[in-house]
């Protein structure tokens, strides 16, 4: 499993969550992998950041939980499916499975704010 440092922030007023891999700047493409969940990839089709609009509604959780800085995102991908799982304080907040029509290579990727 490849591990990266996650820098995350939550804007309570706009109800948006943003997670970015430390040291990566920019992205080449942005994909809507689920309603309100967007995954950005770099020029090598590797995950670079995550943006979630209306996060408290998308995850059906309180805004106070989203303010927690202990966030981990796992992305597993093969030629058929992309699996996206997000944890806050080691509790699973969401799990998404979608078709890998984005060209993301086979990866087992972890972005962790406590890496």
N, C-alpha and C. Protein backbone atom coordinates (compact mmCIF):
# COMPACT_ATOMS: atom_id res chain seq x y z
N UNK A 1 0.85 -1.18 0.00
CA UNK A 1 0.00 0.00 0.00
C UNK A 1 0.89 1.24 0.00
N UNK A 2 0.59 2.13 -0.91
CA UNK A 2 1.31 3.40 -0.95
C UNK A 2 0.64 4.36 0.01
N UNK A 3 1.44 5.00 0.88
CA UNK A 3 0.89 5.94 1.86
C UNK A 3 1.40 7.34 1.58
N UNK A 4 0.49 8.30 1.74
CA UNK A 4 0.80 9.71 1.52
C UNK A 4 0.22 10.52 2.67
N UNK A 5 0.80 11.69 2.90
CA UNK A 5 0.30 12.60 3.93
C UNK A 5 -0.87 13.39 3.36
N UNK A 6 -1.98 13.38 4.08
CA UNK A 6 -3.19 14.09 3.69
C UNK A 6 -3.30 15.39 4.46
N UNK A 7 -3.51 16.48 3.75
CA UNK A 7 -3.82 17.77 4.36
C UNK A 7 -5.30 18.00 4.09
N UNK A 8 -6.09 18.07 5.14
CA UNK A 8 -7.53 18.22 4.95
C UNK A 8 -8.05 19.46 5.65
N UNK A 9 -9.16 19.95 5.13
CA UNK A 9 -9.83 21.08 5.76
C UNK A 9 -11.33 20.97 5.50
N UNK A 10 -12.08 21.52 6.42
CA UNK A 10 -13.52 21.54 6.28
C UNK A 10 -14.00 22.96 6.50
N UNK A 11 -14.80 23.47 5.56
CA UNK A 11 -15.38 24.81 5.64
C UNK A 11 -16.84 24.64 6.05
N UNK A 12 -17.13 24.91 7.33
CA UNK A 12 -18.47 24.70 7.86
C UNK A 12 -19.50 25.61 7.18
N UNK A 13 -19.14 26.84 6.92
CA UNK A 13 -20.09 27.79 6.32
C UNK A 13 -20.55 27.31 4.94
N UNK A 14 -19.62 26.82 4.12
CA UNK A 14 -19.97 26.36 2.78
C UNK A 14 -20.18 24.84 2.72
N UNK A 15 -19.99 24.16 3.83
CA UNK A 15 -20.16 22.71 3.95
C UNK A 15 -19.35 21.95 2.90
N UNK A 16 -18.07 22.33 2.79
CA UNK A 16 -17.19 21.68 1.82
C UNK A 16 -15.97 21.08 2.52
N UNK A 17 -15.63 19.87 2.09
CA UNK A 17 -14.44 19.18 2.58
C UNK A 17 -13.42 19.15 1.45
N UNK A 18 -12.16 19.40 1.80
CA UNK A 18 -11.08 19.35 0.82
C UNK A 18 -9.93 18.56 1.43
N UNK A 19 -9.43 17.60 0.69
CA UNK A 19 -8.27 16.83 1.11
C UNK A 19 -7.26 16.81 -0.02
N UNK A 20 -6.01 17.08 0.29
CA UNK A 20 -4.95 17.18 -0.72
C UNK A 20 -3.72 16.44 -0.22
N UNK A 21 -3.03 15.80 -1.13
CA UNK A 21 -1.79 15.13 -0.77
C UNK A 21 -0.70 16.18 -0.60
N UNK A 22 -0.03 16.12 0.52
CA UNK A 22 1.04 17.07 0.83
C UNK A 22 2.12 17.02 -0.26
N UNK A 23 2.48 18.18 -0.77
CA UNK A 23 3.55 18.29 -1.76
C UNK A 23 3.10 18.20 -3.20
N UNK A 24 1.86 17.83 -3.45
CA UNK A 24 1.36 17.78 -4.83
C UNK A 24 0.65 19.08 -5.15
N UNK A 25 1.00 19.65 -6.30
CA UNK A 25 0.37 20.89 -6.73
C UNK A 25 -0.33 20.66 -8.06
N UNK A 26 -1.54 21.16 -8.17
CA UNK A 26 -2.29 21.07 -9.40
C UNK A 26 -2.85 19.70 -9.67
N UNK A 27 -3.62 19.63 -10.74
CA UNK A 27 -4.20 18.36 -11.17
C UNK A 27 -4.50 18.45 -12.65
N UNK A 28 -4.67 17.31 -13.29
CA UNK A 28 -4.95 17.26 -14.73
C UNK A 28 -6.41 17.00 -15.03
N UNK A 29 -7.10 16.30 -14.15
CA UNK A 29 -8.51 15.97 -14.37
C UNK A 29 -9.22 15.87 -13.03
N UNK A 30 -10.50 16.13 -13.06
CA UNK A 30 -11.34 16.08 -11.87
C UNK A 30 -12.55 15.22 -12.21
N UNK A 31 -12.78 14.16 -11.45
CA UNK A 31 -13.85 13.21 -11.75
C UNK A 31 -14.89 13.18 -10.63
N UNK A 32 -16.16 13.21 -10.99
CA UNK A 32 -17.24 13.02 -10.04
C UNK A 32 -17.44 11.53 -9.84
N UNK A 33 -16.95 10.99 -8.71
CA UNK A 33 -17.04 9.53 -8.50
C UNK A 33 -18.34 9.13 -7.80
N UNK A 34 -19.03 10.11 -7.24
CA UNK A 34 -20.32 9.88 -6.60
C UNK A 34 -20.96 11.25 -6.45
N UNK A 35 -22.23 11.27 -6.09
CA UNK A 35 -22.94 12.53 -5.95
C UNK A 35 -22.24 13.43 -4.92
N UNK A 36 -21.62 14.50 -5.38
CA UNK A 36 -20.95 15.46 -4.50
C UNK A 36 -19.50 15.14 -4.17
N UNK A 37 -18.98 13.98 -4.60
CA UNK A 37 -17.61 13.57 -4.29
C UNK A 37 -16.78 13.62 -5.58
N UNK A 38 -15.72 14.44 -5.53
CA UNK A 38 -14.87 14.64 -6.71
C UNK A 38 -13.43 14.25 -6.39
N UNK A 39 -12.83 13.49 -7.29
CA UNK A 39 -11.46 13.02 -7.15
C UNK A 39 -10.63 13.65 -8.26
N UNK A 40 -9.57 14.35 -7.87
CA UNK A 40 -8.65 14.95 -8.83
C UNK A 40 -7.43 14.05 -8.98
N UNK A 41 -6.94 13.92 -10.21
CA UNK A 41 -5.76 13.11 -10.48
C UNK A 41 -4.69 13.97 -11.15
N UNK A 42 -3.43 13.53 -11.00
CA UNK A 42 -2.32 14.25 -11.62
C UNK A 42 -2.08 13.74 -13.04
N UNK A 43 -1.01 14.17 -13.65
CA UNK A 43 -0.72 13.82 -15.05
C UNK A 43 -0.50 12.32 -15.24
N UNK A 44 -0.17 11.60 -14.16
CA UNK A 44 0.02 10.15 -14.22
C UNK A 44 -1.23 9.38 -13.82
N UNK A 45 -2.37 10.09 -13.73
CA UNK A 45 -3.66 9.52 -13.29
C UNK A 45 -3.61 8.97 -11.88
N UNK A 46 -2.76 9.54 -11.05
CA UNK A 46 -2.69 9.16 -9.63
C UNK A 46 -3.49 10.18 -8.82
N UNK A 47 -4.23 9.72 -7.79
CA UNK A 47 -5.02 10.65 -6.97
C UNK A 47 -4.16 11.77 -6.38
N UNK A 48 -4.70 13.00 -6.47
CA UNK A 48 -3.99 14.17 -5.95
C UNK A 48 -4.80 14.88 -4.87
N UNK A 49 -6.13 14.91 -5.02
CA UNK A 49 -6.96 15.59 -4.04
C UNK A 49 -8.41 15.10 -4.13
N UNK A 50 -9.17 15.45 -3.09
CA UNK A 50 -10.58 15.10 -2.99
C UNK A 50 -11.34 16.36 -2.59
N UNK A 51 -12.48 16.58 -3.22
CA UNK A 51 -13.35 17.71 -2.89
C UNK A 51 -14.76 17.17 -2.72
N UNK A 52 -15.42 17.56 -1.63
CA UNK A 52 -16.78 17.10 -1.37
C UNK A 52 -17.65 18.30 -1.06
N UNK A 53 -18.59 18.57 -1.95
CA UNK A 53 -19.53 19.67 -1.71
C UNK A 53 -20.73 19.14 -0.94
N UNK A 54 -21.32 19.99 -0.10
CA UNK A 54 -22.43 19.58 0.77
C UNK A 54 -22.07 18.33 1.57
N UNK A 55 -20.88 18.34 2.14
CA UNK A 55 -20.31 17.16 2.78
C UNK A 55 -21.19 16.58 3.89
N UNK A 56 -21.77 17.42 4.73
CA UNK A 56 -22.59 16.88 5.82
C UNK A 56 -23.83 16.17 5.27
N UNK A 57 -24.35 16.65 4.17
CA UNK A 57 -25.52 15.99 3.55
C UNK A 57 -25.10 14.74 2.79
N UNK A 58 -23.99 14.81 2.06
CA UNK A 58 -23.49 13.65 1.30
C UNK A 58 -23.22 12.48 2.24
N UNK A 59 -22.60 12.75 3.38
CA UNK A 59 -22.24 11.70 4.33
C UNK A 59 -23.30 11.47 5.41
N UNK A 60 -24.29 12.35 5.48
CA UNK A 60 -25.34 12.28 6.49
C UNK A 60 -24.75 12.24 7.90
N UNK A 61 -23.84 13.20 8.14
CA UNK A 61 -23.22 13.34 9.46
C UNK A 61 -23.21 14.82 9.85
N UNK A 62 -22.91 15.09 11.10
CA UNK A 62 -22.90 16.47 11.57
C UNK A 62 -21.65 17.21 11.08
N UNK A 63 -21.78 18.51 11.00
CA UNK A 63 -20.65 19.35 10.61
C UNK A 63 -19.54 19.28 11.65
N UNK A 64 -19.89 19.05 12.90
CA UNK A 64 -18.88 18.96 13.96
C UNK A 64 -17.95 17.76 13.72
N UNK A 65 -18.49 16.65 13.26
CA UNK A 65 -17.66 15.48 12.96
C UNK A 65 -16.69 15.81 11.83
N UNK A 66 -17.17 16.52 10.81
CA UNK A 66 -16.33 16.86 9.66
C UNK A 66 -15.19 17.82 10.02
N UNK A 67 -15.31 18.53 11.12
CA UNK A 67 -14.26 19.45 11.56
C UNK A 67 -13.07 18.72 12.16
N UNK A 68 -13.22 17.44 12.45
CA UNK A 68 -12.14 16.65 13.04
C UNK A 68 -10.98 16.52 12.05
N UNK A 69 -9.76 16.69 12.53
CA UNK A 69 -8.57 16.65 11.67
C UNK A 69 -8.03 15.23 11.45
N UNK A 70 -8.56 14.23 12.17
CA UNK A 70 -8.08 12.86 12.04
C UNK A 70 -8.82 12.16 10.90
N UNK A 71 -8.33 12.35 9.66
CA UNK A 71 -8.99 11.86 8.46
C UNK A 71 -8.06 10.91 7.72
N UNK A 72 -8.66 9.83 7.19
CA UNK A 72 -7.92 8.89 6.35
C UNK A 72 -8.80 8.53 5.17
N UNK A 73 -8.20 8.50 3.98
CA UNK A 73 -8.92 8.13 2.77
C UNK A 73 -8.14 7.00 2.10
N UNK A 74 -8.84 5.90 1.83
CA UNK A 74 -8.26 4.77 1.10
C UNK A 74 -8.85 4.75 -0.30
N UNK A 75 -7.99 4.56 -1.29
CA UNK A 75 -8.43 4.41 -2.67
C UNK A 75 -7.79 3.14 -3.21
N UNK A 76 -8.63 2.20 -3.56
CA UNK A 76 -8.19 0.96 -4.19
C UNK A 76 -8.79 0.96 -5.58
N UNK A 77 -7.97 0.57 -6.54
CA UNK A 77 -8.42 0.65 -7.91
C UNK A 77 -7.84 -0.51 -8.71
N UNK A 78 -8.67 -1.08 -9.56
CA UNK A 78 -8.20 -2.06 -10.53
C UNK A 78 -8.75 -1.64 -11.89
N UNK A 79 -8.61 -2.47 -12.89
CA UNK A 79 -9.03 -2.08 -14.22
C UNK A 79 -10.55 -1.98 -14.35
N UNK A 80 -11.29 -2.48 -13.36
CA UNK A 80 -12.75 -2.48 -13.45
C UNK A 80 -13.39 -1.47 -12.49
N UNK A 81 -12.96 -1.46 -11.23
CA UNK A 81 -13.63 -0.64 -10.21
C UNK A 81 -12.66 0.25 -9.44
N UNK A 82 -13.22 1.33 -8.93
CA UNK A 82 -12.53 2.23 -8.01
C UNK A 82 -13.29 2.16 -6.70
N UNK A 83 -12.56 1.95 -5.61
CA UNK A 83 -13.14 1.89 -4.27
C UNK A 83 -12.58 3.06 -3.47
N UNK A 84 -13.46 3.88 -2.94
CA UNK A 84 -13.09 5.06 -2.17
C UNK A 84 -13.72 4.91 -0.79
N UNK A 85 -12.89 4.94 0.26
CA UNK A 85 -13.39 4.82 1.63
C UNK A 85 -12.78 5.94 2.46
N UNK A 86 -13.63 6.62 3.22
CA UNK A 86 -13.17 7.74 4.04
C UNK A 86 -13.49 7.44 5.50
N UNK A 87 -12.49 7.71 6.37
CA UNK A 87 -12.61 7.49 7.81
C UNK A 87 -12.35 8.80 8.54
N UNK A 88 -13.09 9.05 9.60
CA UNK A 88 -12.81 10.14 10.53
C UNK A 88 -12.75 9.52 11.92
N UNK A 89 -11.64 9.75 12.62
CA UNK A 89 -11.41 9.15 13.95
C UNK A 89 -11.61 7.62 13.89
N UNK A 90 -11.09 7.01 12.83
CA UNK A 90 -11.14 5.57 12.62
C UNK A 90 -12.55 5.00 12.42
N UNK A 91 -13.55 5.86 12.25
CA UNK A 91 -14.90 5.41 11.93
C UNK A 91 -15.17 5.64 10.45
N UNK A 92 -15.68 4.62 9.79
CA UNK A 92 -15.96 4.74 8.35
C UNK A 92 -17.11 5.72 8.15
N UNK A 93 -16.84 6.76 7.35
CA UNK A 93 -17.84 7.79 7.06
C UNK A 93 -18.55 7.50 5.75
N UNK A 94 -17.78 7.00 4.77
CA UNK A 94 -18.39 6.68 3.49
C UNK A 94 -17.59 5.61 2.78
N UNK A 95 -18.28 4.87 1.94
CA UNK A 95 -17.66 3.87 1.11
C UNK A 95 -18.33 3.94 -0.26
N UNK A 96 -17.51 4.16 -1.29
CA UNK A 96 -18.03 4.33 -2.65
C UNK A 96 -17.35 3.31 -3.55
N UNK A 97 -18.14 2.68 -4.37
CA UNK A 97 -17.62 1.78 -5.41
C UNK A 97 -18.18 2.27 -6.73
N UNK A 98 -17.30 2.51 -7.69
CA UNK A 98 -17.76 2.96 -8.99
C UNK A 98 -16.89 2.35 -10.09
N UNK A 99 -17.35 2.43 -11.30
CA UNK A 99 -16.61 1.91 -12.44
C UNK A 99 -15.36 2.76 -12.66
N UNK A 100 -14.23 2.11 -12.91
CA UNK A 100 -12.99 2.85 -13.17
C UNK A 100 -12.93 3.22 -14.66
N UNK A 101 -13.65 4.25 -14.99
CA UNK A 101 -13.63 4.75 -16.37
C UNK A 101 -12.71 5.97 -16.47
N UNK A 102 -11.85 6.16 -15.47
CA UNK A 102 -11.02 7.35 -15.37
C UNK A 102 -9.57 7.11 -15.80
N UNK A 103 -9.21 5.86 -16.05
CA UNK A 103 -7.84 5.55 -16.43
C UNK A 103 -6.88 5.50 -15.26
N UNK A 104 -7.40 5.43 -14.05
CA UNK A 104 -6.54 5.32 -12.87
C UNK A 104 -5.93 3.92 -12.86
N UNK A 105 -4.63 3.82 -12.69
CA UNK A 105 -3.98 2.50 -12.73
C UNK A 105 -4.32 1.67 -11.50
N UNK A 106 -3.93 0.41 -11.53
CA UNK A 106 -4.12 -0.47 -10.37
C UNK A 106 -3.31 0.10 -9.21
N UNK A 107 -4.01 0.50 -8.16
CA UNK A 107 -3.33 1.08 -6.99
C UNK A 107 -4.02 0.63 -5.71
N UNK A 108 -3.28 0.71 -4.64
CA UNK A 108 -3.79 0.56 -3.30
C UNK A 108 -3.17 1.74 -2.55
N UNK A 109 -3.94 2.78 -2.33
CA UNK A 109 -3.44 4.09 -1.98
C UNK A 109 -4.09 4.57 -0.67
N UNK A 110 -3.29 5.08 0.24
CA UNK A 110 -3.81 5.61 1.50
C UNK A 110 -3.33 7.03 1.70
N UNK A 111 -4.30 7.94 1.96
CA UNK A 111 -3.96 9.32 2.32
C UNK A 111 -4.38 9.49 3.77
N UNK A 112 -3.43 9.83 4.64
CA UNK A 112 -3.70 9.86 6.07
C UNK A 112 -3.18 11.15 6.68
N UNK A 113 -4.03 11.81 7.44
CA UNK A 113 -3.63 13.07 8.09
C UNK A 113 -2.66 12.81 9.25
N UNK A 114 -2.58 11.56 9.70
CA UNK A 114 -1.69 11.21 10.81
C UNK A 114 -0.51 10.36 10.38
N UNK A 115 -0.14 10.45 9.13
CA UNK A 115 0.96 9.63 8.58
C UNK A 115 2.29 10.05 9.15
